[in-house]
Structures are given as structure tokens and as C-alpha cells.
Amino acid sequence: MNLCSILPLILILFALIGAAVSWWLGGTWYLGASIGVAAVFAPLVLLGITVKLFTLWRPDLPKCACGRCDYDFVPIDKAIAEAQKADEYHYRCRHCGAAYVSCNNNMSLIDEQGDRRTYMTHTKWGRWRRAD
């Protein structure tokens, strides 16, 4: 069971608890239900904002080597990826078609002969840097 499947149940539960507490304290039930629903969504919104800020600091993948494409990579076919090592992820730029391999905090560019050239690297908490 994941969060998406139990979120409606959590919303209903918090709305009922909020309505009961508000009615017990002499308020209106819909005010308590609204506060209960807000108590569910507030942490989710804060978590989403935090994840977005971390992604702005260091995107999952760097920009393409051609310089015109941003972070628009697609994973290469699963059959090819499964033939490679388990800790490598193969990508291709959607616009220019350049092939990349992401492995061990490095992003390597694959040339026409199949040779790898380290393109970008990053530390655990750092941003992407050129490996020139």
C-alpha cells in the first residue's frame, strides 16, 4: 500500500477528527473538517517545496554537452540497459541524440566508437561540475 492509495482514507479520518474536536469545543463542524484536511496537506506541500529547492540546487542529471538542450534526457531501451552493469544508467538526449552513462557520481559521454569520456562529475552534496 502506498501513500496515493491511502491518502483518501487519511483525508477522511483527519476531517472527521477535526470536525469532532471542533464540535466538542463548541465550534462548527465544517471549520474543524477544514482544519483537519489542511493538517494533511500542509506537510505534503512543505515536502514538495523542499524537494523542488534541492532539485534546483543540484538537478538529477546535468545539461547536455551540446549546450542547447537542457535537462531533457530519456532512458535508453531496457534491453540495452539490462545488458550493462546494474549501477549504470544509460540516457540519450531527446533533441541532439547524444548518448550518456551515469555511474558513480559521473556522467560520461559516449562517442560513435563506444568510448566513454567523463563529461560531468559531482560530490555528494555539490553541484555538477565539468570534468575537463
N, C-alpha and C. Protein backbone atom coordinates (compact mmCIF):
# COMPACT_ATOMS: atom_id res chain seq x y z
N MET A 1 0.84 -1.17 0.00
CA MET A 1 0.00 0.00 0.00
C MET A 1 0.89 1.24 0.00
N ASN A 2 0.64 2.16 -0.92
CA ASN A 2 1.43 3.38 -0.96
C ASN A 2 0.59 4.58 -0.54
N LEU A 3 1.24 5.74 -0.48
CA LEU A 3 0.57 6.94 0.01
C LEU A 3 -0.61 7.35 -0.86
N CYS A 4 -0.50 7.14 -2.16
CA CYS A 4 -1.59 7.55 -3.06
C CYS A 4 -2.86 6.74 -2.82
N SER A 5 -2.72 5.49 -2.42
CA SER A 5 -3.92 4.68 -2.21
C SER A 5 -4.55 4.92 -0.85
N ILE A 6 -3.78 5.36 0.15
CA ILE A 6 -4.37 5.59 1.47
C ILE A 6 -4.62 7.07 1.75
N LEU A 7 -4.23 7.96 0.83
CA LEU A 7 -4.46 9.39 1.05
C LEU A 7 -5.93 9.74 1.23
N PRO A 8 -6.87 9.19 0.45
CA PRO A 8 -8.28 9.50 0.71
C PRO A 8 -8.74 9.07 2.10
N LEU A 9 -8.25 7.92 2.56
CA LEU A 9 -8.62 7.48 3.91
C LEU A 9 -8.05 8.41 4.98
N ILE A 10 -6.84 8.86 4.79
CA ILE A 10 -6.22 9.81 5.73
C ILE A 10 -6.99 11.12 5.74
N LEU A 11 -7.39 11.60 4.56
CA LEU A 11 -8.16 12.85 4.48
C LEU A 11 -9.49 12.73 5.23
N ILE A 12 -10.19 11.64 4.99
CA ILE A 12 -11.47 11.44 5.67
C ILE A 12 -11.28 11.34 7.18
N LEU A 13 -10.27 10.58 7.60
CA LEU A 13 -10.01 10.42 9.03
C LEU A 13 -9.69 11.77 9.69
N PHE A 14 -8.81 12.55 9.10
CA PHE A 14 -8.46 13.84 9.68
C PHE A 14 -9.64 14.81 9.64
N ALA A 15 -10.45 14.75 8.58
CA ALA A 15 -11.63 15.62 8.52
C ALA A 15 -12.62 15.25 9.63
N LEU A 16 -12.83 13.95 9.87
CA LEU A 16 -13.74 13.53 10.93
C LEU A 16 -13.20 13.89 12.32
N ILE A 17 -11.90 13.70 12.53
CA ILE A 17 -11.31 14.07 13.81
C ILE A 17 -11.41 15.58 14.03
N GLY A 18 -11.10 16.36 12.98
CA GLY A 18 -11.20 17.82 13.10
C GLY A 18 -12.61 18.28 13.37
N ALA A 19 -13.59 17.66 12.70
CA ALA A 19 -15.00 18.03 12.92
C ALA A 19 -15.44 17.67 14.33
N ALA A 20 -15.03 16.49 14.82
CA ALA A 20 -15.42 16.08 16.18
C ALA A 20 -14.80 16.98 17.24
N VAL A 21 -13.54 17.33 17.07
CA VAL A 21 -12.89 18.20 18.05
C VAL A 21 -13.52 19.59 18.02
N SER A 22 -13.78 20.10 16.82
CA SER A 22 -14.40 21.42 16.71
C SER A 22 -15.80 21.43 17.32
N TRP A 23 -16.59 20.39 17.08
CA TRP A 23 -17.94 20.31 17.65
C TRP A 23 -17.87 20.19 19.17
N TRP A 24 -16.90 19.41 19.68
CA TRP A 24 -16.74 19.23 21.12
C TRP A 24 -16.33 20.54 21.80
N LEU A 25 -15.54 21.37 21.09
CA LEU A 25 -15.13 22.66 21.64
C LEU A 25 -16.17 23.76 21.42
N GLY A 26 -17.26 23.45 20.77
CA GLY A 26 -18.34 24.40 20.58
C GLY A 26 -18.27 25.15 19.26
N GLY A 27 -17.44 24.74 18.35
CA GLY A 27 -17.33 25.38 17.04
C GLY A 27 -18.20 24.68 16.02
N THR A 28 -18.03 25.06 14.77
CA THR A 28 -18.79 24.41 13.70
C THR A 28 -18.00 23.23 13.16
N TRP A 29 -18.71 22.24 12.69
CA TRP A 29 -18.06 21.02 12.22
C TRP A 29 -17.25 21.25 10.96
N TYR A 30 -17.73 22.12 10.04
CA TYR A 30 -17.03 22.32 8.78
C TYR A 30 -15.72 23.08 8.97
N LEU A 31 -15.63 23.93 9.99
CA LEU A 31 -14.36 24.58 10.30
C LEU A 31 -13.35 23.55 10.78
N GLY A 32 -13.77 22.65 11.64
CA GLY A 32 -12.88 21.58 12.12
C GLY A 32 -12.47 20.63 11.01
N ALA A 33 -13.41 20.31 10.10
CA ALA A 33 -13.08 19.44 8.98
C ALA A 33 -12.06 20.10 8.06
N SER A 34 -12.22 21.39 7.85
CA SER A 34 -11.27 22.14 7.01
C SER A 34 -9.88 22.16 7.63
N ILE A 35 -9.82 22.38 8.94
CA ILE A 35 -8.53 22.37 9.62
C ILE A 35 -7.91 20.97 9.57
N GLY A 36 -8.71 19.94 9.70
CA GLY A 36 -8.20 18.57 9.61
C GLY A 36 -7.62 18.25 8.24
N VAL A 37 -8.30 18.68 7.18
CA VAL A 37 -7.79 18.46 5.82
C VAL A 37 -6.51 19.27 5.60
N ALA A 38 -6.47 20.50 6.10
CA ALA A 38 -5.26 21.31 5.98
C ALA A 38 -4.09 20.69 6.72
N ALA A 39 -4.37 20.00 7.83
CA ALA A 39 -3.31 19.32 8.58
C ALA A 39 -2.70 18.18 7.79
N VAL A 40 -3.45 17.62 6.83
CA VAL A 40 -2.90 16.57 5.98
C VAL A 40 -2.07 17.18 4.85
N PHE A 41 -2.58 18.23 4.22
CA PHE A 41 -1.91 18.79 3.05
C PHE A 41 -0.71 19.67 3.38
N ALA A 42 -0.67 20.30 4.53
CA ALA A 42 0.43 21.20 4.87
C ALA A 42 1.79 20.49 4.85
N PRO A 43 1.96 19.33 5.49
CA PRO A 43 3.27 18.66 5.40
C PRO A 43 3.61 18.19 3.99
N LEU A 44 2.60 17.78 3.21
CA LEU A 44 2.88 17.34 1.85
C LEU A 44 3.35 18.51 0.98
N VAL A 45 2.74 19.67 1.14
CA VAL A 45 3.16 20.85 0.38
C VAL A 45 4.57 21.28 0.79
N LEU A 46 4.85 21.28 2.08
CA LEU A 46 6.20 21.64 2.55
C LEU A 46 7.24 20.65 2.04
N LEU A 47 6.92 19.38 2.00
CA LEU A 47 7.84 18.38 1.47
C LEU A 47 8.09 18.61 -0.02
N GLY A 48 7.04 18.92 -0.76
CA GLY A 48 7.19 19.20 -2.19
C GLY A 48 8.06 20.41 -2.46
N ILE A 49 7.89 21.47 -1.67
CA ILE A 49 8.72 22.67 -1.83
C ILE A 49 10.18 22.36 -1.51
N THR A 50 10.41 21.58 -0.46
CA THR A 50 11.78 21.21 -0.09
C THR A 50 12.45 20.40 -1.18
N VAL A 51 11.75 19.43 -1.75
CA VAL A 51 12.32 18.62 -2.83
C VAL A 51 12.63 19.49 -4.05
N LYS A 52 11.75 20.42 -4.38
CA LYS A 52 11.98 21.31 -5.53
C LYS A 52 13.21 22.18 -5.30
N LEU A 53 13.39 22.70 -4.09
CA LEU A 53 14.57 23.52 -3.81
C LEU A 53 15.86 22.71 -3.91
N PHE A 54 15.85 21.46 -3.43
CA PHE A 54 17.04 20.61 -3.57
C PHE A 54 17.32 20.30 -5.04
N THR A 55 16.27 20.11 -5.83
CA THR A 55 16.45 19.82 -7.25
C THR A 55 16.99 21.04 -7.99
N LEU A 56 16.61 22.23 -7.57
CA LEU A 56 17.18 23.44 -8.19
C LEU A 56 18.66 23.57 -7.85
N TRP A 57 19.05 23.16 -6.65
CA TRP A 57 20.45 23.24 -6.25
C TRP A 57 21.30 22.28 -7.07
N ARG A 58 20.87 21.02 -7.16
CA ARG A 58 21.59 20.04 -7.96
C ARG A 58 20.60 19.16 -8.68
N PRO A 59 20.41 19.39 -9.98
CA PRO A 59 19.50 18.54 -10.74
C PRO A 59 19.99 17.10 -10.77
N ASP A 60 19.09 16.18 -11.01
CA ASP A 60 19.46 14.76 -11.07
C ASP A 60 20.47 14.49 -12.17
N LEU A 61 20.29 15.14 -13.31
CA LEU A 61 21.20 14.99 -14.44
C LEU A 61 21.69 16.36 -14.88
N PRO A 62 22.91 16.45 -15.41
CA PRO A 62 23.42 17.75 -15.87
C PRO A 62 22.81 18.14 -17.21
N LYS A 63 23.16 19.34 -17.67
CA LYS A 63 22.73 19.76 -19.00
C LYS A 63 23.47 18.97 -20.06
N CYS A 64 22.92 18.94 -21.25
CA CYS A 64 23.52 18.21 -22.36
C CYS A 64 24.82 18.88 -22.78
N ALA A 65 25.73 18.11 -23.36
CA ALA A 65 27.04 18.62 -23.76
C ALA A 65 26.96 19.58 -24.94
N CYS A 66 25.92 19.50 -25.75
CA CYS A 66 25.83 20.38 -26.91
C CYS A 66 25.55 21.82 -26.51
N GLY A 67 25.02 22.03 -25.31
CA GLY A 67 24.78 23.37 -24.81
C GLY A 67 23.43 23.96 -25.15
N ARG A 68 22.73 23.37 -26.10
CA ARG A 68 21.42 23.91 -26.48
C ARG A 68 20.27 23.23 -25.74
N CYS A 69 20.49 22.00 -25.32
CA CYS A 69 19.44 21.23 -24.66
C CYS A 69 19.59 21.35 -23.15
N ASP A 70 18.48 21.42 -22.47
CA ASP A 70 18.52 21.44 -21.01
C ASP A 70 18.46 20.02 -20.50
N TYR A 71 17.73 19.78 -19.46
CA TYR A 71 17.71 18.50 -18.77
C TYR A 71 16.68 17.57 -19.38
N ASP A 72 16.77 17.35 -20.69
CA ASP A 72 15.74 16.57 -21.38
C ASP A 72 16.33 15.26 -21.87
N PHE A 73 16.55 14.31 -20.95
CA PHE A 73 17.11 13.02 -21.28
C PHE A 73 16.03 11.95 -21.19
N VAL A 74 16.18 10.92 -22.02
CA VAL A 74 15.29 9.76 -21.94
C VAL A 74 16.15 8.53 -21.70
N PRO A 75 15.68 7.59 -20.88
CA PRO A 75 16.44 6.35 -20.69
C PRO A 75 16.50 5.55 -21.99
N ILE A 76 17.64 4.92 -22.23
CA ILE A 76 17.79 4.08 -23.41
C ILE A 76 17.05 2.77 -23.16
N ASP A 77 16.72 2.08 -24.22
CA ASP A 77 15.93 0.84 -24.20
C ASP A 77 16.37 -0.09 -23.07
N LYS A 78 15.39 -0.71 -22.41
CA LYS A 78 15.68 -1.57 -21.27
C LYS A 78 16.57 -2.76 -21.62
N ALA A 79 16.43 -3.32 -22.80
CA ALA A 79 17.25 -4.47 -23.18
C ALA A 79 18.73 -4.09 -23.20
N ILE A 80 19.03 -2.89 -23.68
CA ILE A 80 20.42 -2.43 -23.71
C ILE A 80 20.89 -2.15 -22.30
N ALA A 81 20.04 -1.52 -21.50
CA ALA A 81 20.42 -1.16 -20.13
C ALA A 81 20.64 -2.40 -19.27
N GLU A 82 19.83 -3.44 -19.47
CA GLU A 82 19.99 -4.65 -18.67
C GLU A 82 21.26 -5.41 -19.03
N ALA A 83 21.75 -5.23 -20.25
CA ALA A 83 22.98 -5.89 -20.66
C ALA A 83 24.20 -5.25 -19.99
N GLN A 84 24.05 -4.04 -19.51
CA GLN A 84 25.15 -3.33 -18.86
C GLN A 84 25.17 -3.66 -17.37
N LYS A 85 26.10 -3.05 -16.66
CA LYS A 85 26.18 -3.26 -15.21
C LYS A 85 24.94 -2.69 -14.53
N ALA A 86 24.65 -3.19 -13.34
CA ALA A 86 23.43 -2.79 -12.63
C ALA A 86 23.51 -1.36 -12.11
N ASP A 87 24.71 -0.83 -11.85
CA ASP A 87 24.81 0.51 -11.27
C ASP A 87 24.98 1.59 -12.33
N GLU A 88 24.82 1.26 -13.59
CA GLU A 88 24.93 2.24 -14.67
C GLU A 88 23.54 2.54 -15.23
N TYR A 89 23.34 3.79 -15.55
CA TYR A 89 22.08 4.22 -16.16
C TYR A 89 22.39 4.89 -17.47
N HIS A 90 21.78 4.43 -18.54
CA HIS A 90 22.05 4.91 -19.88
C HIS A 90 20.95 5.88 -20.32
N TYR A 91 21.37 7.02 -20.86
CA TYR A 91 20.43 8.06 -21.29
C TYR A 91 20.80 8.53 -22.68
N ARG A 92 19.82 9.13 -23.34
CA ARG A 92 20.04 9.77 -24.63
C ARG A 92 19.31 11.11 -24.60
N CYS A 93 19.97 12.13 -25.13
CA CYS A 93 19.34 13.45 -25.20
C CYS A 93 18.20 13.39 -26.22
N ARG A 94 17.07 13.93 -25.84
CA ARG A 94 15.88 13.86 -26.69
C ARG A 94 16.05 14.72 -27.95
N HIS A 95 16.86 15.78 -27.88
CA HIS A 95 16.97 16.72 -29.00
C HIS A 95 18.15 16.43 -29.91
N CYS A 96 19.36 16.31 -29.36
CA CYS A 96 20.54 16.14 -30.21
C CYS A 96 20.96 14.69 -30.36
N GLY A 97 20.45 13.77 -29.54
CA GLY A 97 20.73 12.36 -29.69
C GLY A 97 22.01 11.87 -29.05
N ALA A 98 22.71 12.70 -28.29
CA ALA A 98 23.95 12.28 -27.63
C ALA A 98 23.64 11.23 -26.57
N ALA A 99 24.51 10.22 -26.46
CA ALA A 99 24.32 9.13 -25.50
C ALA A 99 25.20 9.36 -24.28
N TYR A 100 24.66 9.05 -23.10
CA TYR A 100 25.35 9.26 -21.83
C TYR A 100 25.21 8.03 -20.95
N VAL A 101 26.17 7.90 -20.03
CA VAL A 101 26.11 6.87 -18.99
C VAL A 101 26.32 7.56 -17.66
N SER A 102 25.42 7.32 -16.72
CA SER A 102 25.54 7.87 -15.37
C SER A 102 25.95 6.74 -14.44
N CYS A 103 27.10 6.93 -13.76
CA CYS A 103 27.63 5.89 -12.88
C CYS A 103 28.60 6.51 -11.88
N ASN A 104 28.45 6.17 -10.60
CA ASN A 104 29.38 6.60 -9.55
C ASN A 104 29.64 8.11 -9.55
N ASN A 105 28.60 8.90 -9.49
CA ASN A 105 28.68 10.36 -9.43
C ASN A 105 29.33 10.98 -10.66
N ASN A 106 29.35 10.27 -11.77
CA ASN A 106 29.89 10.78 -13.03
C ASN A 106 28.85 10.65 -14.12
N MET A 107 28.92 11.56 -15.07
CA MET A 107 28.10 11.47 -16.27
C MET A 107 29.08 11.44 -17.43
N SER A 108 29.11 10.32 -18.15
CA SER A 108 30.06 10.14 -19.23
C SER A 108 29.34 10.24 -20.56
N LEU A 109 30.01 10.87 -21.52
CA LEU A 109 29.51 11.00 -22.89
C LEU A 109 30.05 9.82 -23.69
N ILE A 110 29.20 9.18 -24.46
CA ILE A 110 29.61 8.03 -25.28
C ILE A 110 29.73 8.50 -26.72
N ASP A 111 30.93 8.31 -27.32
CA ASP A 111 31.12 8.74 -28.71
C ASP A 111 30.67 7.65 -29.68
N GLU A 112 30.88 7.88 -30.99
CA GLU A 112 30.40 6.96 -32.01
C GLU A 112 31.06 5.59 -31.93
N GLN A 113 32.32 5.52 -31.45
CA GLN A 113 33.02 4.25 -31.35
C GLN A 113 32.66 3.48 -30.08
N GLY A 114 31.91 4.07 -29.18
CA GLY A 114 31.53 3.43 -27.94
C GLY A 114 32.45 3.74 -26.77
N ASP A 115 33.42 4.62 -26.99
CA ASP A 115 34.33 5.01 -25.91
C ASP A 115 33.65 6.03 -25.00
N ARG A 116 34.00 5.97 -23.72
CA ARG A 116 33.42 6.89 -22.75
C ARG A 116 34.40 8.00 -22.41
N ARG A 117 33.86 9.21 -22.31
CA ARG A 117 34.64 10.36 -21.88
C ARG A 117 33.85 11.02 -20.76
N THR A 118 34.48 11.14 -19.58
CA THR A 118 33.77 11.73 -18.44
C THR A 118 33.44 13.18 -18.77
N TYR A 119 32.17 13.49 -18.70
CA TYR A 119 31.67 14.82 -19.07
C TYR A 119 31.45 15.69 -17.84
N MET A 120 30.71 15.21 -16.87
CA MET A 120 30.42 15.97 -15.65
C MET A 120 30.58 15.04 -14.44
N THR A 121 30.88 15.66 -13.29
CA THR A 121 31.01 14.92 -12.05
C THR A 121 30.46 15.77 -10.91
N HIS A 122 30.12 15.14 -9.81
CA HIS A 122 29.66 15.90 -8.65
C HIS A 122 30.03 15.16 -7.37
N THR A 123 30.13 15.94 -6.30
CA THR A 123 30.35 15.35 -4.99
C THR A 123 28.99 15.00 -4.40
N LYS A 124 28.99 14.46 -3.21
CA LYS A 124 27.73 14.01 -2.63
C LYS A 124 26.73 15.15 -2.48
N TRP A 125 27.17 16.30 -2.00
CA TRP A 125 26.26 17.43 -1.78
C TRP A 125 26.49 18.57 -2.76
N GLY A 126 27.43 18.41 -3.68
CA GLY A 126 27.77 19.51 -4.58
C GLY A 126 26.95 19.54 -5.84
N ARG A 127 27.27 20.52 -6.65
CA ARG A 127 26.59 20.68 -7.92
C ARG A 127 27.40 19.97 -9.00
N TRP A 128 26.81 19.86 -10.19
CA TRP A 128 27.51 19.26 -11.31
C TRP A 128 28.65 20.17 -11.74
N ARG A 129 29.82 19.56 -12.02
CA ARG A 129 30.99 20.30 -12.49
C ARG A 129 31.57 19.59 -13.70
N ARG A 130 32.14 20.37 -14.59
CA ARG A 130 32.81 19.80 -15.77
C ARG A 130 34.04 19.02 -15.32
N ALA A 131 34.30 17.91 -15.98
CA ALA A 131 35.42 17.05 -15.62
C ALA A 131 36.60 17.27 -16.56
N ASP A 132 36.72 18.45 -17.12
CA ASP A 132 37.80 18.74 -18.09
C ASP A 132 39.14 18.70 -17.47
